[in-house]
Protein backbone atom coordinates (compact mmCIF):
# COMPACT_ATOMS: atom_id res chain seq x y z
CA UNK A 1 0.00 0.00 0.00
CA UNK A 2 2.88 2.36 0.84
CA UNK A 3 4.43 1.70 -2.58
CA UNK A 4 1.12 2.44 -4.27
CA UNK A 5 0.77 5.76 -2.42
CA UNK A 6 4.38 6.67 -3.24
CA UNK A 7 3.88 5.86 -6.92
CA UNK A 8 0.63 7.83 -7.00
CA UNK A 9 2.33 10.87 -5.40
CA UNK A 10 5.20 10.63 -7.87
CA UNK A 11 2.81 10.53 -10.84
CA UNK A 12 0.88 13.53 -9.49
CA UNK A 13 4.09 15.49 -8.95
CA UNK A 14 5.37 14.64 -12.44
CA UNK A 15 2.05 15.67 -13.99
CA UNK A 16 2.05 18.96 -12.10
CA UNK A 17 5.52 20.07 -13.23
CA UNK A 18 5.22 19.07 -16.89
CA UNK A 19 3.01 21.12 -19.23
CA UNK A 20 0.00 19.58 -20.87
CA UNK A 21 0.98 17.72 -24.01
CA UNK A 22 -0.30 19.57 -27.07
CA UNK A 23 -2.12 16.58 -28.53
CA UNK A 24 -3.97 15.99 -25.24
CA UNK A 25 -4.80 19.62 -24.53
CA UNK A 26 -8.39 20.66 -25.18
CA UNK A 27 -7.13 24.04 -26.34
CA UNK A 28 -6.23 22.33 -29.65
CA UNK A 29 -9.67 20.74 -30.17
CA UNK A 30 -10.79 23.63 -32.36
CA UNK A 31 -9.12 24.97 -35.50
CA UNK A 32 -7.44 28.31 -34.71
CA UNK A 33 -8.88 29.81 -37.92
CA UNK A 34 -12.40 29.19 -36.54
CA UNK A 35 -11.81 30.95 -33.22
CA UNK A 36 -13.14 34.48 -32.82
CA UNK A 37 -12.77 37.05 -30.02
CA UNK A 38 -16.35 36.17 -28.98
CA UNK A 39 -17.88 32.74 -28.29
CA UNK A 40 -20.93 31.25 -26.64
CA UNK A 41 -20.82 28.12 -24.48
CA UNK A 42 -23.23 25.25 -25.34
CA UNK A 43 -26.71 25.44 -23.73
CA UNK A 44 -26.25 29.16 -22.99
CA UNK A 45 -29.81 30.09 -23.98
CA UNK A 46 -31.38 27.57 -21.58
CA UNK A 47 -29.40 28.69 -18.52
CA UNK A 48 -30.85 30.80 -15.71
CA UNK A 49 -27.75 32.73 -14.58
CA UNK A 50 -26.36 33.88 -17.92
CA UNK A 51 -22.91 35.44 -17.69
CA UNK A 52 -20.92 37.62 -20.05
CA UNK A 53 -17.25 37.14 -19.18
CA UNK A 54 -15.16 39.80 -20.87
CA UNK A 55 -11.79 41.49 -20.54
CA UNK A 56 -8.42 42.29 -22.01
CA UNK A 57 -5.33 40.08 -22.14
CA UNK A 58 -2.09 41.99 -21.66
CA UNK A 59 1.49 41.02 -22.39
CA UNK A 60 3.60 40.36 -19.32
CA UNK A 61 4.35 44.11 -18.96
CA UNK A 62 0.72 44.50 -17.82
CA UNK A 63 0.15 47.42 -20.24
CA UNK A 64 0.43 46.22 -23.86
CA UNK A 65 -2.68 44.39 -25.17
CA UNK A 66 -1.86 40.89 -26.44
CA UNK A 67 -3.54 39.90 -29.72
CA UNK A 68 -4.25 36.37 -30.97
CA UNK A 69 -4.09 34.82 -27.49
CA UNK A 70 -6.36 31.78 -27.17
CA UNK A 71 -8.39 31.39 -24.00
CA UNK A 72 -10.13 28.07 -23.41
CA UNK A 73 -12.58 27.55 -20.56
CA UNK A 74 -14.49 24.57 -19.26
CA UNK A 75 -16.90 24.45 -16.38
CA UNK A 76 -19.51 22.38 -14.56
CA UNK A 77 -23.22 22.83 -15.21
CA UNK A 78 -25.59 24.74 -12.93
CA UNK A 79 -25.73 21.76 -10.55
CA UNK A 80 -21.94 21.69 -10.15
CA UNK A 81 -21.55 18.54 -12.27
CA UNK A 82 -19.31 18.21 -15.31
CA UNK A 83 -21.31 17.09 -18.35
CA UNK A 84 -18.84 14.67 -19.96
CA UNK A 85 -19.38 13.67 -23.58
CA UNK A 86 -17.69 11.31 -26.05
CA UNK A 87 -16.66 11.61 -29.67
CA UNK A 88 -15.17 8.25 -30.65
CA UNK A 89 -12.54 7.49 -28.03
CA UNK A 90 -12.21 11.13 -26.95
CA UNK A 91 -13.94 12.35 -23.81
CA UNK A 92 -14.53 16.04 -23.25
CA UNK A 93 -16.40 18.53 -21.07
CA UNK A 94 -19.54 19.71 -22.88
CA UNK A 95 -19.60 23.19 -21.34
CA UNK A 96 -16.46 24.62 -22.91
CA UNK A 97 -15.53 27.55 -25.09
CA UNK A 98 -12.63 29.03 -27.05
CA UNK A 99 -11.86 32.67 -27.85
CA UNK A 100 -8.91 34.41 -29.47
CA UNK A 101 -8.17 37.99 -28.47
CA UNK A 102 -8.64 40.72 -31.08
CA UNK A 103 -6.07 43.39 -32.03
CA UNK A 104 -6.84 45.24 -28.77
CA UNK A 105 -6.45 42.11 -26.62
CA UNK A 106 -10.21 41.93 -25.97
CA UNK A 107 -12.31 38.79 -25.60
CA UNK A 108 -15.90 37.94 -24.62
CA UNK A 109 -17.40 34.60 -23.60
CA UNK A 110 -21.15 34.16 -23.16
CA UNK A 111 -21.55 31.48 -20.53
CA UNK A 112 -23.40 30.93 -17.24
CA UNK A 113 -22.57 30.86 -13.56
CA UNK A 114 -21.65 27.26 -12.72
CA UNK A 115 -23.15 25.58 -9.69
CA UNK A 116 -21.47 24.41 -6.51
CA UNK A 117 -20.79 20.73 -6.09
CA UNK A 118 -22.04 20.61 -2.51
CA UNK A 119 -21.12 16.92 -2.16
CA UNK A 120 -17.46 17.93 -2.23
CA UNK A 121 -17.91 21.49 -0.92
CA UNK A 122 -16.59 22.91 -4.22
CA UNK A 123 -16.77 26.59 -5.13
CA UNK A 124 -18.46 27.82 -8.30
CA UNK A 125 -15.51 27.69 -10.71
CA UNK A 126 -14.55 28.26 -14.32
CA UNK A 127 -11.33 26.52 -15.40
CA UNK A 128 -9.22 28.42 -17.97
CA UNK A 129 -6.23 27.55 -20.16
CA UNK A 130 -4.35 30.23 -22.07
CA UNK A 131 -2.04 30.09 -25.08
CA UNK A 132 -0.10 33.01 -26.51
CA UNK A 133 1.14 32.74 -30.12
CA UNK A 134 4.26 30.53 -30.44
CA UNK A 135 4.16 29.76 -26.69
CA UNK A 136 3.17 26.69 -24.71
CA UNK A 137 -0.32 26.80 -23.20
CA UNK A 138 -0.70 26.87 -19.44
CA UNK A 139 -3.44 26.74 -16.83
CA UNK A 140 -4.62 29.80 -14.98
CA UNK A 141 -6.04 29.48 -11.49
CA UNK A 142 -9.76 28.82 -11.69
CA UNK A 143 -12.05 31.82 -11.67
CA UNK A 144 -14.33 31.92 -8.60
CA UNK A 145 -17.31 34.15 -7.82
CA UNK A 146 -17.45 36.91 -5.21
CA UNK A 147 -21.06 36.15 -4.28
CA UNK A 148 -20.55 32.37 -3.98
CA UNK A 149 -21.84 31.35 -0.52
CA UNK A 150 -18.99 28.82 -0.24
CA UNK A 151 -16.36 31.57 -0.70
CA UNK A 152 -16.03 32.11 3.04
CA UNK A 153 -13.86 34.57 4.95
CA UNK A 154 -11.40 31.73 5.49
CA UNK A 155 -11.21 31.04 1.72
CA UNK A 156 -10.75 34.74 1.01
CA UNK A 157 -7.91 34.96 3.54
CA UNK A 158 -6.23 31.97 1.92
CA UNK A 159 -6.54 33.55 -1.52
CA UNK A 160 -5.14 36.84 -0.18
CA UNK A 161 -2.24 35.03 1.52
CA UNK A 162 -1.38 33.33 -1.80
CA UNK A 163 -1.80 36.60 -3.74
CA UNK A 164 -4.74 35.11 -5.70
CA UNK A 165 -7.57 37.56 -5.05
CA UNK A 166 -7.50 38.38 -8.78
CA UNK A 167 -9.23 35.00 -9.33
CA UNK A 168 -12.45 36.38 -7.85
CA UNK A 169 -15.03 37.53 -10.39
CA UNK A 170 -17.42 40.27 -9.32
CA UNK A 171 -20.61 40.30 -11.34
CA UNK A 172 -23.10 43.08 -12.03
CA UNK A 173 -26.44 42.88 -13.80
CA UNK A 174 -26.62 44.57 -17.23
CA UNK A 175 -29.52 44.16 -19.65
CA UNK A 176 -30.83 41.13 -17.77
CA UNK A 177 -27.55 39.16 -17.63
CA UNK A 178 -24.59 39.09 -15.27
CA UNK A 179 -21.36 40.66 -16.50
CA UNK A 180 -17.88 40.03 -15.10
CA UNK A 181 -14.70 41.70 -16.27
CA UNK A 182 -11.54 39.57 -16.11
CA UNK A 183 -8.34 41.11 -17.40
CA UNK A 184 -5.40 38.72 -17.70
CA UNK A 185 -1.67 39.42 -17.72
CA UNK A 186 0.36 36.79 -19.55
CA UNK A 187 3.00 34.95 -17.55
CA UNK A 188 6.59 35.83 -18.37
CA UNK A 189 7.53 32.23 -17.53
CA UNK A 190 5.79 30.86 -20.62
CA UNK A 191 8.19 28.74 -22.66
CA UNK A 192 8.25 29.01 -26.46
CA UNK A 193 6.90 25.97 -28.28
CA UNK A 194 9.35 23.94 -30.27
């Protein structure tokens, strides 16, 4: 049993320090030529808490807008469950979306506020990947919601301690839907692709 736990820990550590392989990354599931600066997640029209997630991606200087950056998101449904689908042997999350920033670094995703998975005490979260041109994609910390009842004072303190309060999305109602602005600064650690 000890060997199994050690092997499992080693696999988890190895997976955490190595970037996602391009062929396995969902960011490559859509042709780049088909990606626009605006996208709508599947089932958007039928959702109760519609959300317009918009912002600007900046180069690592935090000032210069970054064009042609791909942002991929996936998220659970309104009940906090991931709707997993199959195409042949490939499994994927149904509620996912791709955008590519325009010349001003802007993007917009029409989605919905995901639910909490109360069985596991999980926050409402959107999971993003980002890929700058000629760079390796990488994961951003999940986006969480300011008005999520599970985002307690203790969680907020932990996020502040780890300098991650920028993960928190604050929504406001505009024209009957929630709107959240999320600007992103590209990591300077991103390695060029080979």
